[in-house]
Amino acid sequence: MDIILKRAEKNEIYDLGDLADEAVLEKALEPDTATVVAYAHEDGTDLHAGMLQYSHEEGSAVLNWLYVAPELRGHGIGAKLVEYLLSSSLSYEGACVSARLYDFSMADLYPEEMATFLEHFGFERAVIDRDIYCIKGKDLFVRNLRLSSKMQEELERSVISFGDCTPDMLMNAASSLKLDDVGRILSADRKHSFLLGKGSSVRGMLRCTKSGGTVYLKEIMTTDKNPESMEKLVMAFFTSFRGNMRLIDRIIVCEDILKGDVIFRIFPGFTRIESILLTKRN
């Protein structure tokens, strides 16, 4: 049996439903995401054997998804996919590939199993020095966040961008928030950045990223440190996902950006989770 690896084109993504769930396929359509498919060639037929997906995020490659069809495991398909990731992402000095595994599985391997597998390729476990909390998408969907008409009007008046930032908006945000690392802001996922303010004056910013069915809340910044400003950004963040909450498996938030538990006040259903962070550097 021959194994052939091929980068999937965007118009081929939805033919891969036997290798990934809908949220992962949706992620594959984003411009900074690459999807690699392994085909098993046998008796003149190409079968879907496995799939790997990774994203470029803040100067590193992040492994989002790794899956091998159960009936084809044991033929080195997963190894070939990981080797492809490493050869394409560690081509320059200082490059990094990372994977964060939680107490739910990536595909259908438990985190410890996946971590052991990746360690065979030189990945090393990093120290986790902060608590991580998770709320399941189905819990958010059941709660069906309801805004009063007054809150809805207030959000419309004060939130400049509901996840559709332009580069100029991000530059204004970096200036208003007096940020030294402007490059980090400009490299942010513009579709998942939320700005608070009026006109060109920005007084708050929330950044998140989406990987498969997981949304990672990365950063909340405000000029006035006012809990009400933070609450408006969080409300804008959650309401922006109301239309496709069924595609979200979970939302992850780190302890160091909880900002006075404003998120927990809005949604008390977050629970602490265990995680394993693995990295490999050139």
C-alpha atoms as a PDB file:
ATOM      1  CA  MET A   1       0.000   0.000   0.000  1.00  0.00           C
ATOM      2  CA  ASP A   2       1.422   3.369  -1.062  1.00  0.00           C
ATOM      3  CA  ILE A   3       0.763   6.497   1.002  1.00  0.00           C
ATOM      4  CA  ILE A   4       0.521   9.807  -0.860  1.00  0.00           C
ATOM      5  CA  LEU A   5       0.359  13.194   0.878  1.00  0.00           C
ATOM      6  CA  LYS A   6      -1.353  16.141  -0.759  1.00  0.00           C
ATOM      7  CA  ARG A   7      -2.209  19.690   0.320  1.00  0.00           C
ATOM      8  CA  ALA A   8      -5.975  20.057   0.043  1.00  0.00           C
ATOM      9  CA  GLU A   9      -7.276  22.935  -2.045  1.00  0.00           C
ATOM     10  CA  LYS A  10     -10.032  25.077  -0.567  1.00  0.00           C
ATOM     11  CA  ASN A  11     -12.571  23.684  -3.039  1.00  0.00           C
ATOM     12  CA  GLU A  12     -11.779  20.134  -1.863  1.00  0.00           C
ATOM     13  CA  ILE A  13     -12.325  20.711   1.850  1.00  0.00           C
ATOM     14  CA  TYR A  14     -15.935  19.587   2.132  1.00  0.00           C
ATOM     15  CA  ASP A  15     -15.084  16.247   0.517  1.00  0.00           C
ATOM     16  CA  LEU A  16     -13.126  15.387   3.677  1.00  0.00           C
ATOM     17  CA  GLY A  17     -16.062  14.855   6.027  1.00  0.00           C
ATOM     18  CA  ASP A  18     -14.909  11.323   6.859  1.00  0.00           C
ATOM     19  CA  LEU A  19     -11.637  12.713   8.288  1.00  0.00           C
ATOM     20  CA  ALA A  20     -12.773  15.696  10.371  1.00  0.00           C
ATOM     21  CA  ASP A  21     -15.840  17.315  11.877  1.00  0.00           C
ATOM     22  CA  GLU A  22     -17.588  20.325  10.395  1.00  0.00           C
ATOM     23  CA  ALA A  23     -15.830  22.860  12.610  1.00  0.00           C
ATOM     24  CA  VAL A  24     -12.392  21.596  11.507  1.00  0.00           C
ATOM     25  CA  LEU A  25     -13.443  21.778   7.866  1.00  0.00           C
ATOM     26  CA  GLU A  26     -14.648  25.344   8.411  1.00  0.00           C
ATOM     27  CA  LYS A  27     -11.268  26.243   9.924  1.00  0.00           C
ATOM     28  CA  ALA A  28      -9.563  24.762   6.830  1.00  0.00           C
ATOM     29  CA  LEU A  29     -11.108  27.501   4.681  1.00  0.00           C
ATOM     30  CA  GLU A  30      -9.223  30.256   6.533  1.00  0.00           C
ATOM     31  CA  PRO A  31      -6.233  31.729   4.629  1.00  0.00           C
ATOM     32  CA  ASP A  32      -3.638  31.018   7.342  1.00  0.00           C
ATOM     33  CA  THR A  33      -4.623  27.352   7.685  1.00  0.00           C
ATOM     34  CA  ALA A  34      -3.121  24.416   5.776  1.00  0.00           C
ATOM     35  CA  THR A  35      -4.757  21.005   5.436  1.00  0.00           C
ATOM     36  CA  VAL A  36      -2.754  17.944   4.379  1.00  0.00           C
ATOM     37  CA  VAL A  37      -4.509  14.729   3.363  1.00  0.00           C
ATOM     38  CA  ALA A  38      -2.965  11.259   3.289  1.00  0.00           C
ATOM     39  CA  TYR A  39      -4.272   8.950   0.564  1.00  0.00           C
ATOM     40  CA  ALA A  40      -3.769   5.185   0.615  1.00  0.00           C
ATOM     41  CA  HIS A  41      -3.267   3.991  -2.970  1.00  0.00           C
ATOM     42  CA  GLU A  42      -4.251   0.371  -3.385  1.00  0.00           C
ATOM     43  CA  ASP A  43      -5.632  -1.595  -6.347  1.00  0.00           C
ATOM     44  CA  GLY A  44      -5.917   1.561  -8.416  1.00  0.00           C
ATOM     45  CA  THR A  45      -8.013   3.371  -5.804  1.00  0.00           C
ATOM     46  CA  ASP A  46      -7.104   6.345  -3.579  1.00  0.00           C
ATOM     47  CA  LEU A  47      -8.702   6.123  -0.130  1.00  0.00           C
ATOM     48  CA  HIS A  48      -8.836   8.844   2.512  1.00  0.00           C
ATOM     49  CA  ALA A  49      -6.309   7.578   5.072  1.00  0.00           C
ATOM     50  CA  GLY A  50      -5.613  10.548   7.334  1.00  0.00           C
ATOM     51  CA  MET A  51      -5.563  14.300   7.735  1.00  0.00           C
ATOM     52  CA  LEU A  52      -3.440  16.940   9.450  1.00  0.00           C
ATOM     53  CA  GLN A  53      -4.334  20.585   9.842  1.00  0.00           C
ATOM     54  CA  TYR A  54      -2.150  23.406  11.124  1.00  0.00           C
ATOM     55  CA  SER A  55      -2.300  27.183  11.331  1.00  0.00           C
ATOM     56  CA  HIS A  56       0.282  29.943  11.333  1.00  0.00           C
ATOM     57  CA  GLU A  57      -0.220  31.958  14.494  1.00  0.00           C
ATOM     58  CA  GLU A  58       2.022  34.740  15.821  1.00  0.00           C
ATOM     59  CA  GLY A  59       5.182  33.427  14.197  1.00  0.00           C
ATOM     60  CA  SER A  60       4.688  29.719  14.841  1.00  0.00           C
ATOM     61  CA  ALA A  61       2.835  26.754  13.397  1.00  0.00           C
ATOM     62  CA  VAL A  62       0.080  25.350  15.601  1.00  0.00           C
ATOM     63  CA  LEU A  63      -1.141  21.796  15.146  1.00  0.00           C
ATOM     64  CA  ASN A  64      -4.948  21.854  15.131  1.00  0.00           C
ATOM     65  CA  TRP A  65      -5.961  18.374  14.011  1.00  0.00           C
ATOM     66  CA  LEU A  66      -4.382  14.988  13.403  1.00  0.00           C
ATOM     67  CA  TYR A  67      -6.434  11.950  12.458  1.00  0.00           C
ATOM     68  CA  VAL A  68      -5.818   8.562  10.846  1.00  0.00           C
ATOM     69  CA  ALA A  69      -8.650   6.264   9.778  1.00  0.00           C
ATOM     70  CA  PRO A  70      -8.864   3.443  12.391  1.00  0.00           C
ATOM     71  CA  GLU A  71      -8.708   0.649   9.804  1.00  0.00           C
ATOM     72  CA  LEU A  72      -5.454   2.076   8.359  1.00  0.00           C
ATOM     73  CA  ARG A  73      -3.529   2.688  11.570  1.00  0.00           C
ATOM     74  CA  GLY A  74      -0.195   0.977  12.045  1.00  0.00           C
ATOM     75  CA  HIS A  75       1.106   1.849   8.573  1.00  0.00           C
ATOM     76  CA  GLY A  76       3.061   4.994   9.562  1.00  0.00           C
ATOM     77  CA  ILE A  77       0.461   7.405   8.148  1.00  0.00           C
ATOM     78  CA  GLY A  78       0.398   9.629  11.243  1.00  0.00           C
ATOM     79  CA  ALA A  79       4.203   9.757  11.227  1.00  0.00           C
ATOM     80  CA  LYS A  80       4.272  10.836   7.583  1.00  0.00           C
ATOM     81  CA  LEU A  81       1.790  13.641   8.312  1.00  0.00           C
ATOM     82  CA  VAL A  82       3.785  14.937  11.302  1.00  0.00           C
ATOM     83  CA  GLU A  83       7.034  14.769   9.325  1.00  0.00           C
ATOM     84  CA  TYR A  84       5.367  16.850   6.596  1.00  0.00           C
ATOM     85  CA  LEU A  85       4.364  19.443   9.207  1.00  0.00           C
ATOM     86  CA  LEU A  86       7.881  19.652  10.624  1.00  0.00           C
ATOM     87  CA  SER A  87       9.641  19.843   7.255  1.00  0.00           C
ATOM     88  CA  SER A  88       7.329  22.611   6.031  1.00  0.00           C
ATOM     89  CA  SER A  89       7.291  24.649   9.267  1.00  0.00           C
ATOM     90  CA  LEU A  90      10.866  24.391  10.640  1.00  0.00           C
ATOM     91  CA  SER A  91      12.714  25.571   7.556  1.00  0.00           C
ATOM     92  CA  TYR A  92      14.241  28.667   9.185  1.00  0.00           C
ATOM     93  CA  GLU A  93      16.156  29.328  12.392  1.00  0.00           C
ATOM     94  CA  GLY A  94      13.952  30.076  15.374  1.00  0.00           C
ATOM     95  CA  ALA A  95      10.841  28.509  13.852  1.00  0.00           C
ATOM     96  CA  CYS A  96       8.509  26.724  16.265  1.00  0.00           C
ATOM     97  CA  VAL A  97       5.717  24.164  16.042  1.00  0.00           C
ATOM     98  CA  SER A  98       3.387  23.733  18.995  1.00  0.00           C
ATOM     99  CA  ALA A  99       0.413  21.660  20.062  1.00  0.00           C
ATOM    100  CA  ARG A 100      -1.711  22.139  23.167  1.00  0.00           C
ATOM    101  CA  LEU A 101      -3.616  19.053  24.243  1.00  0.00           C
ATOM    102  CA  TYR A 102      -6.483  19.345  26.705  1.00  0.00           C
ATOM    103  CA  ASP A 103      -8.415  16.789  28.716  1.00  0.00           C
ATOM    104  CA  PHE A 104     -10.545  16.223  25.646  1.00  0.00           C
ATOM    105  CA  SER A 105      -9.011  14.463  22.670  1.00  0.00           C
ATOM    106  CA  MET A 106      -7.633  15.717  19.371  1.00  0.00           C
ATOM    107  CA  ALA A 107      -9.454  13.435  16.951  1.00  0.00           C
ATOM    108  CA  ASP A 108      -9.913  10.271  19.058  1.00  0.00           C
ATOM    109  CA  LEU A 109      -6.608   9.929  20.924  1.00  0.00           C
ATOM    110  CA  TYR A 110      -6.350  10.845  24.584  1.00  0.00           C
ATOM    111  CA  PRO A 111      -3.973  13.759  25.325  1.00  0.00           C
ATOM    112  CA  GLU A 112      -1.355  11.537  26.963  1.00  0.00           C
ATOM    113  CA  GLU A 113      -1.370   9.186  23.960  1.00  0.00           C
ATOM    114  CA  MET A 114      -1.021  12.085  21.535  1.00  0.00           C
ATOM    115  CA  ALA A 115       1.736  13.674  23.644  1.00  0.00           C
ATOM    116  CA  THR A 116       3.719  10.422  23.704  1.00  0.00           C
ATOM    117  CA  PHE A 117       3.325  10.091  19.941  1.00  0.00           C
ATOM    118  CA  LEU A 118       4.559  13.651  19.268  1.00  0.00           C
ATOM    119  CA  GLU A 119       7.527  13.214  21.618  1.00  0.00           C
ATOM    120  CA  HIS A 120       8.888  10.599  19.205  1.00  0.00           C
ATOM    121  CA  PHE A 121       9.418  13.493  16.747  1.00  0.00           C
ATOM    122  CA  GLY A 122      11.337  15.690  19.182  1.00  0.00           C
ATOM    123  CA  PHE A 123       8.444  17.619  20.714  1.00  0.00           C
ATOM    124  CA  GLU A 124       9.109  18.604  24.308  1.00  0.00           C
ATOM    125  CA  ARG A 125       6.619  19.256  27.054  1.00  0.00           C
ATOM    126  CA  ALA A 126       6.540  22.831  28.269  1.00  0.00           C
ATOM    127  CA  VAL A 127       5.693  23.868  31.807  1.00  0.00           C
ATOM    128  CA  ILE A 128       2.073  24.963  32.164  1.00  0.00           C
ATOM    129  CA  ASP A 129       2.175  27.848  34.628  1.00  0.00           C
ATOM    130  CA  ARG A 130      -1.377  29.100  34.350  1.00  0.00           C
ATOM    131  CA  ASP A 131      -4.807  27.636  34.856  1.00  0.00           C
ATOM    132  CA  ILE A 132      -7.008  27.124  31.826  1.00  0.00           C
ATOM    133  CA  TYR A 133     -10.780  27.121  31.861  1.00  0.00           C
ATOM    134  CA  CYS A 134     -13.267  25.747  29.363  1.00  0.00           C
ATOM    135  CA  ILE A 135     -16.972  26.014  28.616  1.00  0.00           C
ATOM    136  CA  LYS A 136     -18.612  23.673  26.132  1.00  0.00           C
ATOM    137  CA  GLY A 137     -20.278  25.143  23.088  1.00  0.00           C
ATOM    138  CA  LYS A 138     -23.456  23.195  23.699  1.00  0.00           C
ATOM    139  CA  ASP A 139     -23.759  24.811  27.147  1.00  0.00           C
ATOM    140  CA  LEU A 140     -23.485  28.251  25.567  1.00  0.00           C
ATOM    141  CA  PHE A 141     -26.037  27.283  22.941  1.00  0.00           C
ATOM    142  CA  VAL A 142     -28.483  26.067  25.591  1.00  0.00           C
ATOM    143  CA  ARG A 143     -28.059  29.259  27.582  1.00  0.00           C
ATOM    144  CA  ASN A 144     -28.754  31.243  24.391  1.00  0.00           C
ATOM    145  CA  LEU A 145     -27.280  34.545  25.573  1.00  0.00           C
ATOM    146  CA  ARG A 146     -30.104  37.074  25.651  1.00  0.00           C
ATOM    147  CA  LEU A 147     -29.372  40.786  25.636  1.00  0.00           C
ATOM    148  CA  SER A 148     -31.752  43.442  26.818  1.00  0.00           C
ATOM    149  CA  SER A 149     -32.620  45.999  24.166  1.00  0.00           C
ATOM    150  CA  LYS A 150     -30.720  48.562  26.237  1.00  0.00           C
ATOM    151  CA  MET A 151     -27.546  46.430  26.265  1.00  0.00           C
ATOM    152  CA  GLN A 152     -27.879  45.721  22.553  1.00  0.00           C
ATOM    153  CA  GLU A 153     -28.117  49.445  21.803  1.00  0.00           C
ATOM    154  CA  GLU A 154     -25.155  50.162  24.077  1.00  0.00           C
ATOM    155  CA  LEU A 155     -23.025  47.558  22.283  1.00  0.00           C
ATOM    156  CA  GLU A 156     -23.968  48.976  18.887  1.00  0.00           C
ATOM    157  CA  ARG A 157     -22.954  52.462  20.054  1.00  0.00           C
ATOM    158  CA  SER A 158     -19.686  51.567  21.744  1.00  0.00           C
ATOM    159  CA  VAL A 159     -18.238  48.556  19.890  1.00  0.00           C
ATOM    160  CA  ILE A 160     -16.423  49.736  16.755  1.00  0.00           C
ATOM    161  CA  SER A 161     -15.796  46.292  15.334  1.00  0.00           C
ATOM    162  CA  PHE A 162     -17.600  42.988  15.843  1.00  0.00           C
ATOM    163  CA  GLY A 163     -14.774  40.846  14.460  1.00  0.00           C
ATOM    164  CA  ASP A 164     -14.227  42.618  11.132  1.00  0.00           C
ATOM    165  CA  CYS A 165     -11.208  44.833  11.822  1.00  0.00           C
ATOM    166  CA  THR A 166      -9.250  46.553   9.068  1.00  0.00           C
ATOM    167  CA  PRO A 167      -5.458  47.100   9.347  1.00  0.00           C
ATOM    168  CA  ASP A 168      -6.111  50.815  10.021  1.00  0.00           C
ATOM    169  CA  MET A 169      -8.396  49.878  12.913  1.00  0.00           C
ATOM    170  CA  LEU A 170      -5.703  47.685  14.406  1.00  0.00           C
ATOM    171  CA  MET A 171      -3.108  50.454  14.042  1.00  0.00           C
ATOM    172  CA  ASN A 172      -5.455  52.856  15.854  1.00  0.00           C
ATOM    173  CA  ALA A 173      -5.939  50.245  18.567  1.00  0.00           C
ATOM    174  CA  ALA A 174      -2.180  49.799  19.043  1.00  0.00           C
ATOM    175  CA  SER A 175      -1.741  53.585  19.286  1.00  0.00           C
ATOM    176  CA  SER A 176      -4.677  54.196  21.638  1.00  0.00           C
ATOM    177  CA  LEU A 177      -3.709  51.329  23.929  1.00  0.00           C
ATOM    178  CA  LYS A 178      -0.055  52.470  23.867  1.00  0.00           C
ATOM    179  CA  LEU A 179       1.225  49.072  22.822  1.00  0.00           C
ATOM    180  CA  ASP A 180       4.916  48.618  22.045  1.00  0.00           C
ATOM    181  CA  ASP A 181       4.447  45.370  20.123  1.00  0.00           C
ATOM    182  CA  VAL A 182       2.507  46.788  17.168  1.00  0.00           C
ATOM    183  CA  GLY A 183       3.503  43.835  14.979  1.00  0.00           C
ATOM    184  CA  ARG A 184       1.688  41.445  17.289  1.00  0.00           C
ATOM    185  CA  ILE A 185      -1.524  43.417  16.917  1.00  0.00           C
ATOM    186  CA  LEU A 186      -1.194  43.752  13.150  1.00  0.00           C
ATOM    187  CA  SER A 187      -0.682  39.980  12.871  1.00  0.00           C
ATOM    188  CA  ALA A 188      -3.892  39.350  14.822  1.00  0.00           C
ATOM    189  CA  ASP A 189      -6.764  37.467  13.259  1.00  0.00           C
ATOM    190  CA  ARG A 190      -8.818  40.437  12.059  1.00  0.00           C
ATOM    191  CA  LYS A 191     -11.989  38.346  11.861  1.00  0.00           C
ATOM    192  CA  HIS A 192     -11.743  37.601  15.567  1.00  0.00           C
ATOM    193  CA  SER A 193     -10.693  40.990  16.977  1.00  0.00           C
ATOM    194  CA  PHE A 194     -13.183  43.256  18.743  1.00  0.00           C
ATOM    195  CA  LEU A 195     -12.643  46.968  19.383  1.00  0.00           C
ATOM    196  CA  LEU A 196     -14.367  49.238  21.863  1.00  0.00           C
ATOM    197  CA  GLY A 197     -14.504  52.993  21.341  1.00  0.00           C
ATOM    198  CA  LYS A 198     -15.895  55.644  19.051  1.00  0.00           C
ATOM    199  CA  GLY A 199     -14.706  56.646  15.591  1.00  0.00           C
ATOM    200  CA  SER A 200     -10.929  56.280  15.412  1.00  0.00           C
ATOM    201  CA  SER A 201     -10.536  56.418  19.200  1.00  0.00           C
ATOM    202  CA  VAL A 202     -10.119  52.934  20.678  1.00  0.00           C
ATOM    203  CA  ARG A 203     -10.343  52.296  24.403  1.00  0.00           C
ATOM    204  CA  GLY A 204     -10.443  48.511  24.433  1.00  0.00           C
ATOM    205  CA  MET A 205      -9.578  45.417  22.418  1.00  0.00           C
ATOM    206  CA  LEU A 206     -10.370  41.708  22.685  1.00  0.00           C
ATOM    207  CA  ARG A 207      -8.511  39.118  20.582  1.00  0.00           C
ATOM    208  CA  CYS A 208      -9.343  35.482  20.040  1.00  0.00           C
ATOM    209  CA  THR A 209      -8.447  32.726  17.596  1.00  0.00           C
ATOM    210  CA  LYS A 210     -10.461  29.804  16.276  1.00  0.00           C
ATOM    211  CA  SER A 211      -8.959  26.386  15.654  1.00  0.00           C
ATOM    212  CA  GLY A 212     -11.345  23.722  14.467  1.00  0.00           C
ATOM    213  CA  GLY A 213     -14.243  23.704  16.892  1.00  0.00           C
ATOM    214  CA  THR A 214     -12.267  25.461  19.635  1.00  0.00           C
ATOM    215  CA  VAL A 215     -12.211  29.213  20.242  1.00  0.00           C
ATOM    216  CA  TYR A 216      -9.286  30.548  22.298  1.00  0.00           C
ATOM    217  CA  LEU A 217      -9.832  33.839  24.118  1.00  0.00           C
ATOM    218  CA  LYS A 218      -6.314  35.302  23.944  1.00  0.00           C
ATOM    219  CA  GLU A 219      -6.277  38.846  25.273  1.00  0.00           C
ATOM    220  CA  ILE A 220      -8.413  41.651  26.731  1.00  0.00           C
ATOM    221  CA  MET A 221      -6.987  45.175  26.959  1.00  0.00           C
ATOM    222  CA  THR A 222      -8.621  48.470  27.963  1.00  0.00           C
ATOM    223  CA  THR A 223      -7.258  51.952  28.555  1.00  0.00           C
ATOM    224  CA  ASP A 224      -9.390  52.648  31.639  1.00  0.00           C
ATOM    225  CA  LYS A 225      -9.276  49.178  33.314  1.00  0.00           C
ATOM    226  CA  ASN A 226     -13.018  49.630  33.808  1.00  0.00           C
ATOM    227  CA  PRO A 227     -14.887  46.327  34.385  1.00  0.00           C
ATOM    228  CA  GLU A 228     -17.829  47.686  32.379  1.00  0.00           C
ATOM    229  CA  SER A 229     -15.586  48.195  29.334  1.00  0.00           C
ATOM    230  CA  MET A 230     -14.284  44.649  29.661  1.00  0.00           C
ATOM    231  CA  GLU A 231     -17.836  43.339  30.017  1.00  0.00           C
ATOM    232  CA  LYS A 232     -18.904  45.038  26.777  1.00  0.00           C
ATOM    233  CA  LEU A 233     -16.001  43.451  24.907  1.00  0.00           C
ATOM    234  CA  VAL A 234     -16.836  40.018  26.318  1.00  0.00           C
ATOM    235  CA  MET A 235     -20.512  40.448  25.422  1.00  0.00           C
ATOM    236  CA  ALA A 236     -19.564  41.464  21.883  1.00  0.00           C
ATOM    237  CA  PHE A 237     -17.309  38.407  21.667  1.00  0.00           C
ATOM    238  CA  PHE A 238     -19.990  35.962  22.771  1.00  0.00           C
ATOM    239  CA  THR A 239     -22.830  37.499  20.771  1.00  0.00           C
ATOM    240  CA  SER A 240     -20.742  37.384  17.584  1.00  0.00           C
ATOM    241  CA  PHE A 241     -20.809  33.573  17.763  1.00  0.00           C
ATOM    242  CA  ARG A 242     -24.530  33.204  18.421  1.00  0.00           C
ATOM    243  CA  GLY A 243     -25.311  32.463  14.776  1.00  0.00           C
ATOM    244  CA  ASN A 244     -22.933  29.494  14.515  1.00  0.00           C
ATOM    245  CA  MET A 245     -22.723  28.290  18.120  1.00  0.00           C
ATOM    246  CA  ARG A 246     -23.471  24.753  16.933  1.00  0.00           C
ATOM    247  CA  LEU A 247     -20.062  24.738  15.187  1.00  0.00           C
ATOM    248  CA  ILE A 248     -18.215  25.552  18.417  1.00  0.00           C
ATOM    249  CA  ASP A 249     -17.211  22.635  20.614  1.00  0.00           C
ATOM    250  CA  ARG A 250     -15.672  24.716  23.372  1.00  0.00           C
ATOM    251  CA  ILE A 251     -14.284  28.109  24.381  1.00  0.00           C
ATOM    252  CA  ILE A 252     -10.931  28.210  26.198  1.00  0.00           C
ATOM    253  CA  VAL A 253      -9.754  31.055  28.422  1.00  0.00           C
ATOM    254  CA  CYS A 254      -6.528  31.352  30.446  1.00  0.00           C
ATOM    255  CA  GLU A 255      -6.503  32.522  34.051  1.00  0.00           C
ATOM    256  CA  ASP A 256      -4.224  35.489  33.360  1.00  0.00           C
ATOM    257  CA  ILE A 257      -6.826  37.217  31.153  1.00  0.00           C
ATOM    258  CA  LEU A 258      -9.909  36.678  33.298  1.00  0.00           C
ATOM    259  CA  LYS A 259      -9.746  40.331  34.338  1.00  0.00           C
ATOM    260  CA  GLY A 260     -11.600  40.241  37.620  1.00  0.00           C
ATOM    261  CA  ASP A 261     -13.771  37.254  36.679  1.00  0.00           C
ATOM    262  CA  VAL A 262     -15.845  39.353  34.285  1.00  0.00           C
ATOM    263  CA  ILE A 263     -16.220  36.313  32.006  1.00  0.00           C
ATOM    264  CA  PHE A 264     -17.344  34.082  34.863  1.00  0.00           C
ATOM    265  CA  ARG A 265     -19.965  36.656  35.855  1.00  0.00           C
ATOM    266  CA  ILE A 266     -21.485  36.478  32.372  1.00  0.00           C
ATOM    267  CA  PHE A 267     -21.142  32.704  32.009  1.00  0.00           C
ATOM    268  CA  PRO A 268     -20.680  30.730  35.246  1.00  0.00           C
ATOM    269  CA  GLY A 269     -20.322  27.408  33.433  1.00  0.00           C
ATOM    270  CA  PHE A 270     -16.530  27.465  32.931  1.00  0.00           C
ATOM    271  CA  THR A 271     -14.562  24.619  34.518  1.00  0.00           C
ATOM    272  CA  ARG A 272     -10.814  24.196  35.032  1.00  0.00           C
ATOM    273  CA  ILE A 273      -9.143  21.721  32.676  1.00  0.00           C
ATOM    274  CA  GLU A 274      -5.814  19.948  32.488  1.00  0.00           C
ATOM    275  CA  SER A 275      -3.587  20.596  29.508  1.00  0.00           C
ATOM    276  CA  ILE A 276      -0.298  19.472  27.933  1.00  0.00           C
ATOM    277  CA  LEU A 277       1.720  21.930  25.847  1.00  0.00           C
ATOM    278  CA  LEU A 278       4.292  20.513  23.446  1.00  0.00           C
ATOM    279  CA  THR A 279       6.743  22.491  21.328  1.00  0.00           C
ATOM    280  CA  LYS A 280       9.520  21.755  18.858  1.00  0.00           C
ATOM    281  CA  ARG A 281      11.964  24.413  17.698  1.00  0.00           C
ATOM    282  CA  ASN A 282      14.457  24.550  14.875  1.00  0.00           C
END
